[in-house]
């Protein structure tokens, strides 16, 4: 009976370790700040992340410090677009995300 419990615990440990490592290897994050030419932060800017291959889009808004974050981003190439009231829109293309970035 102890042998069966030990075997089951070992298998469970292996499965947990494998699933955790697989999840950790498939996504990354994109973070940044939106600033004007003088370096002043631009709060409440709309930031759009677009997957170049799939055209999937995610949106967020910068906080009071002009900071934005996209977590759980699948690996691939992206375009980041920023729209802010009183400013011209801007895009950054060719943003590549690798696992763990």
N, C-alpha and C. Protein backbone atom coordinates (compact mmCIF):
# COMPACT_ATOMS: atom_id res chain seq x y z
N UNK A 1 0.82 -1.19 0.00
CA UNK A 1 0.00 0.00 0.00
C UNK A 1 0.87 1.26 0.00
N UNK A 2 1.93 1.28 0.77
CA UNK A 2 2.83 2.43 0.80
C UNK A 2 3.46 2.65 -0.57
N UNK A 3 3.75 1.54 -1.24
CA UNK A 3 4.36 1.62 -2.56
C UNK A 3 3.40 2.28 -3.56
N UNK A 4 2.12 1.95 -3.48
CA UNK A 4 1.11 2.53 -4.37
C UNK A 4 0.95 4.03 -4.10
N UNK A 5 0.94 4.41 -2.85
CA UNK A 5 0.81 5.83 -2.49
C UNK A 5 2.04 6.59 -2.96
N UNK A 6 3.21 6.02 -2.77
CA UNK A 6 4.45 6.66 -3.20
C UNK A 6 4.46 6.84 -4.72
N UNK A 7 4.03 5.82 -5.46
CA UNK A 7 3.99 5.88 -6.91
C UNK A 7 3.00 6.96 -7.36
N UNK A 8 1.84 7.01 -6.74
CA UNK A 8 0.83 8.02 -7.10
C UNK A 8 1.34 9.42 -6.80
N UNK A 9 2.00 9.62 -5.68
CA UNK A 9 2.54 10.93 -5.31
C UNK A 9 3.64 11.34 -6.29
N UNK A 10 4.46 10.40 -6.71
CA UNK A 10 5.52 10.70 -7.66
C UNK A 10 4.93 11.13 -8.99
N UNK A 11 3.94 10.40 -9.48
CA UNK A 11 3.30 10.75 -10.74
C UNK A 11 2.63 12.12 -10.67
N UNK A 12 1.98 12.39 -9.56
CA UNK A 12 1.32 13.69 -9.37
C UNK A 12 2.35 14.81 -9.39
N UNK A 13 3.46 14.61 -8.72
CA UNK A 13 4.53 15.63 -8.69
C UNK A 13 5.08 15.90 -10.08
N UNK A 14 5.27 14.84 -10.86
CA UNK A 14 5.78 15.00 -12.22
C UNK A 14 4.79 15.76 -13.08
N UNK A 15 3.51 15.42 -12.98
CA UNK A 15 2.49 16.12 -13.77
C UNK A 15 2.40 17.59 -13.42
N UNK A 16 2.46 17.91 -12.14
CA UNK A 16 2.42 19.31 -11.72
C UNK A 16 3.63 20.07 -12.24
N UNK A 17 4.80 19.46 -12.14
CA UNK A 17 6.02 20.12 -12.62
C UNK A 17 5.96 20.35 -14.12
N UNK A 18 5.51 19.37 -14.88
CA UNK A 18 5.42 19.53 -16.33
C UNK A 18 4.41 20.58 -16.73
N UNK A 19 3.24 20.59 -16.11
CA UNK A 19 2.22 21.57 -16.49
C UNK A 19 2.67 22.98 -16.14
N UNK A 20 3.30 23.16 -15.01
CA UNK A 20 3.79 24.49 -14.62
C UNK A 20 4.86 24.98 -15.58
N UNK A 21 5.77 24.11 -15.98
CA UNK A 21 6.84 24.53 -16.89
C UNK A 21 6.30 24.83 -18.28
N UNK A 22 5.30 24.08 -18.74
CA UNK A 22 4.70 24.36 -20.04
C UNK A 22 3.97 25.69 -20.05
N UNK A 23 3.23 25.98 -19.01
CA UNK A 23 2.50 27.27 -18.94
C UNK A 23 3.47 28.43 -18.89
N UNK A 24 4.54 28.29 -18.16
CA UNK A 24 5.49 29.37 -17.99
C UNK A 24 6.26 29.67 -19.28
N UNK A 25 6.31 28.72 -20.19
CA UNK A 25 7.12 28.87 -21.39
C UNK A 25 6.38 29.43 -22.59
N UNK A 26 5.09 29.68 -22.50
CA UNK A 26 4.34 30.04 -23.68
C UNK A 26 3.90 31.49 -23.77
N UNK A 27 4.09 32.28 -22.75
CA UNK A 27 3.64 33.67 -22.79
C UNK A 27 4.73 34.62 -22.29
N UNK A 28 4.48 35.90 -22.55
CA UNK A 28 5.36 36.96 -22.08
C UNK A 28 4.52 38.17 -21.72
N UNK A 29 5.18 39.30 -21.54
CA UNK A 29 4.49 40.54 -21.18
C UNK A 29 5.03 41.69 -22.00
N UNK A 30 4.20 42.68 -22.20
CA UNK A 30 4.62 43.94 -22.82
C UNK A 30 4.23 45.05 -21.86
N UNK A 31 5.20 45.84 -21.45
CA UNK A 31 4.95 46.96 -20.54
C UNK A 31 5.62 48.20 -21.10
N UNK A 32 5.14 49.36 -20.71
CA UNK A 32 5.76 50.59 -21.16
C UNK A 32 5.10 51.81 -20.55
N UNK A 33 5.62 52.95 -20.95
CA UNK A 33 5.08 54.24 -20.51
C UNK A 33 4.85 55.11 -21.74
N UNK A 34 3.81 55.92 -21.69
CA UNK A 34 3.51 56.84 -22.77
C UNK A 34 3.94 58.23 -22.32
N UNK A 35 4.85 58.82 -23.10
CA UNK A 35 5.42 60.13 -22.77
C UNK A 35 5.34 61.05 -23.98
N UNK A 36 5.28 62.36 -23.73
CA UNK A 36 5.34 63.31 -24.85
C UNK A 36 6.80 63.64 -25.15
N UNK A 37 7.03 64.56 -26.10
CA UNK A 37 8.40 64.91 -26.51
C UNK A 37 9.25 65.43 -25.37
N UNK A 38 8.63 66.07 -24.39
CA UNK A 38 9.38 66.64 -23.28
C UNK A 38 9.64 65.64 -22.16
N UNK A 39 9.05 64.43 -22.29
CA UNK A 39 9.21 63.41 -21.26
C UNK A 39 8.10 63.40 -20.23
N UNK A 40 7.10 64.26 -20.42
CA UNK A 40 5.96 64.28 -19.50
C UNK A 40 5.06 63.08 -19.78
N UNK A 41 4.54 62.49 -18.73
CA UNK A 41 3.66 61.32 -18.88
C UNK A 41 2.32 61.74 -19.46
N UNK A 42 1.70 60.81 -20.19
CA UNK A 42 0.37 61.06 -20.76
C UNK A 42 -0.59 60.02 -20.18
N UNK A 43 -1.30 60.40 -19.12
CA UNK A 43 -2.26 59.46 -18.52
C UNK A 43 -3.49 59.30 -19.41
N UNK A 44 -4.20 58.22 -19.17
CA UNK A 44 -5.47 57.92 -19.87
C UNK A 44 -5.30 57.78 -21.38
N UNK A 45 -4.13 57.37 -21.82
CA UNK A 45 -3.92 57.07 -23.24
C UNK A 45 -4.45 55.67 -23.53
N UNK A 46 -5.06 55.50 -24.69
CA UNK A 46 -5.54 54.18 -25.09
C UNK A 46 -4.39 53.46 -25.80
N UNK A 47 -4.07 52.25 -25.33
CA UNK A 47 -2.99 51.46 -25.92
C UNK A 47 -3.62 50.18 -26.48
N UNK A 48 -3.36 49.92 -27.76
CA UNK A 48 -3.90 48.75 -28.43
C UNK A 48 -2.77 47.84 -28.86
N UNK A 49 -2.87 46.58 -28.49
CA UNK A 49 -1.89 45.56 -28.86
C UNK A 49 -2.54 44.65 -29.90
N UNK A 50 -1.92 44.54 -31.08
CA UNK A 50 -2.47 43.72 -32.15
C UNK A 50 -1.47 42.65 -32.55
N UNK A 51 -1.92 41.39 -32.53
CA UNK A 51 -1.09 40.27 -32.99
C UNK A 51 -1.03 40.35 -34.51
N UNK A 52 0.17 40.45 -35.06
CA UNK A 52 0.35 40.63 -36.50
C UNK A 52 -0.20 39.45 -37.29
N UNK A 53 -0.03 38.24 -36.80
CA UNK A 53 -0.46 37.04 -37.53
C UNK A 53 -1.97 36.81 -37.44
N UNK A 54 -2.53 36.94 -36.25
CA UNK A 54 -3.94 36.57 -36.04
C UNK A 54 -4.89 37.77 -36.06
N UNK A 55 -4.34 38.97 -35.96
CA UNK A 55 -5.13 40.21 -35.89
C UNK A 55 -5.93 40.34 -34.59
N UNK A 56 -5.66 39.46 -33.61
CA UNK A 56 -6.31 39.59 -32.30
C UNK A 56 -5.85 40.90 -31.66
N UNK A 57 -6.80 41.59 -31.01
CA UNK A 57 -6.49 42.88 -30.40
C UNK A 57 -6.81 42.86 -28.91
N UNK A 58 -5.97 43.56 -28.14
CA UNK A 58 -6.23 43.79 -26.72
C UNK A 58 -6.03 45.27 -26.47
N UNK A 59 -6.84 45.82 -25.56
CA UNK A 59 -6.77 47.25 -25.24
C UNK A 59 -6.54 47.45 -23.75
N UNK A 60 -5.88 48.55 -23.45
CA UNK A 60 -5.73 48.99 -22.07
C UNK A 60 -5.60 50.51 -22.08
N UNK A 61 -5.59 51.09 -20.91
CA UNK A 61 -5.44 52.54 -20.76
C UNK A 61 -4.30 52.80 -19.79
N UNK A 62 -3.49 53.81 -20.09
CA UNK A 62 -2.39 54.14 -19.19
C UNK A 62 -2.93 54.70 -17.88
N UNK A 63 -2.17 54.46 -16.81
CA UNK A 63 -2.57 54.96 -15.50
C UNK A 63 -2.11 56.41 -15.33
N UNK A 64 -2.21 56.94 -14.14
CA UNK A 64 -1.86 58.33 -13.86
C UNK A 64 -0.38 58.63 -14.12
N UNK A 65 0.47 57.59 -14.10
CA UNK A 65 1.90 57.76 -14.37
C UNK A 65 2.25 57.44 -15.83
N UNK A 66 1.22 57.24 -16.68
CA UNK A 66 1.45 56.95 -18.09
C UNK A 66 1.87 55.52 -18.36
N UNK A 67 1.76 54.63 -17.36
CA UNK A 67 2.21 53.25 -17.47
C UNK A 67 1.11 52.34 -18.00
N UNK A 68 1.51 51.36 -18.83
CA UNK A 68 0.57 50.34 -19.29
C UNK A 68 1.23 48.97 -19.24
N UNK A 69 0.40 47.93 -19.23
CA UNK A 69 0.92 46.56 -19.15
C UNK A 69 -0.04 45.59 -19.81
N UNK A 70 0.52 44.68 -20.60
CA UNK A 70 -0.21 43.55 -21.16
C UNK A 70 0.50 42.30 -20.67
N UNK A 71 -0.17 41.47 -19.89
CA UNK A 71 0.44 40.23 -19.41
C UNK A 71 -0.22 39.05 -20.11
N UNK A 72 0.43 37.89 -20.04
CA UNK A 72 -0.12 36.70 -20.67
C UNK A 72 -0.17 36.81 -22.18
N UNK A 73 0.80 37.51 -22.77
CA UNK A 73 0.85 37.70 -24.21
C UNK A 73 1.48 36.46 -24.85
N UNK A 74 0.78 35.86 -25.82
CA UNK A 74 1.33 34.69 -26.52
C UNK A 74 2.54 35.12 -27.34
N UNK A 75 3.42 34.17 -27.61
CA UNK A 75 4.60 34.50 -28.40
C UNK A 75 4.21 34.88 -29.82
N UNK A 76 4.97 35.79 -30.40
CA UNK A 76 4.71 36.23 -31.76
C UNK A 76 5.10 37.68 -31.96
N UNK A 77 4.65 38.24 -33.08
CA UNK A 77 4.95 39.62 -33.43
C UNK A 77 3.70 40.48 -33.27
N UNK A 78 3.92 41.70 -32.80
CA UNK A 78 2.81 42.59 -32.45
C UNK A 78 3.05 44.01 -32.92
N UNK A 79 1.93 44.74 -33.02
CA UNK A 79 1.96 46.18 -33.22
C UNK A 79 1.34 46.81 -31.99
N UNK A 80 1.99 47.85 -31.47
CA UNK A 80 1.46 48.60 -30.33
C UNK A 80 1.08 49.99 -30.84
N UNK A 81 -0.18 50.36 -30.64
CA UNK A 81 -0.69 51.66 -31.08
C UNK A 81 -1.14 52.45 -29.85
N UNK A 82 -0.80 53.74 -29.84
CA UNK A 82 -1.19 54.63 -28.74
C UNK A 82 -2.01 55.78 -29.30
N UNK A 83 -3.18 56.00 -28.67
CA UNK A 83 -4.05 57.12 -29.01
C UNK A 83 -4.28 57.93 -27.74
N UNK A 84 -4.02 59.23 -27.83
CA UNK A 84 -4.22 60.11 -26.68
C UNK A 84 -4.84 61.41 -27.17
N UNK A 85 -5.79 61.90 -26.41
CA UNK A 85 -6.48 63.13 -26.76
C UNK A 85 -5.47 64.28 -26.85
N UNK A 86 -5.53 65.02 -27.96
CA UNK A 86 -4.64 66.15 -28.16
C UNK A 86 -3.30 65.77 -28.79
N UNK A 87 -3.08 64.48 -29.10
CA UNK A 87 -1.83 64.02 -29.69
C UNK A 87 -2.12 63.19 -30.94
N UNK A 88 -1.15 63.16 -31.85
CA UNK A 88 -1.28 62.26 -33.00
C UNK A 88 -1.09 60.83 -32.52
N UNK A 89 -1.79 59.91 -33.17
CA UNK A 89 -1.61 58.49 -32.85
C UNK A 89 -0.23 58.05 -33.29
N UNK A 90 0.31 57.06 -32.59
CA UNK A 90 1.61 56.52 -32.97
C UNK A 90 1.57 55.00 -32.88
N UNK A 91 2.37 54.34 -33.73
CA UNK A 91 2.43 52.88 -33.75
C UNK A 91 3.87 52.43 -33.70
N UNK A 92 4.08 51.32 -33.01
CA UNK A 92 5.37 50.64 -33.01
C UNK A 92 5.12 49.25 -33.58
N UNK A 93 5.69 48.96 -34.74
CA UNK A 93 5.50 47.65 -35.36
C UNK A 93 6.71 46.77 -35.08
N UNK A 94 6.54 45.47 -35.32
CA UNK A 94 7.65 44.53 -35.17
C UNK A 94 8.05 44.27 -33.73
N UNK A 95 7.12 44.41 -32.80
CA UNK A 95 7.40 44.10 -31.39
C UNK A 95 7.29 42.59 -31.23
N UNK A 96 8.41 41.93 -30.95
CA UNK A 96 8.41 40.47 -30.84
C UNK A 96 8.38 40.04 -29.38
N UNK A 97 7.53 39.08 -29.08
CA UNK A 97 7.43 38.52 -27.72
C UNK A 97 7.87 37.06 -27.79
N UNK A 98 8.85 36.72 -26.98
CA UNK A 98 9.32 35.34 -26.83
C UNK A 98 8.83 34.82 -25.49
N UNK A 99 8.83 33.52 -25.31
CA UNK A 99 8.40 32.96 -24.01
C UNK A 99 9.22 33.56 -22.86
N UNK A 100 8.54 34.03 -21.84
CA UNK A 100 9.19 34.58 -20.67
C UNK A 100 9.60 36.04 -20.78
N UNK A 101 9.41 36.66 -21.94
CA UNK A 101 9.75 38.10 -22.09
C UNK A 101 8.86 38.93 -21.20
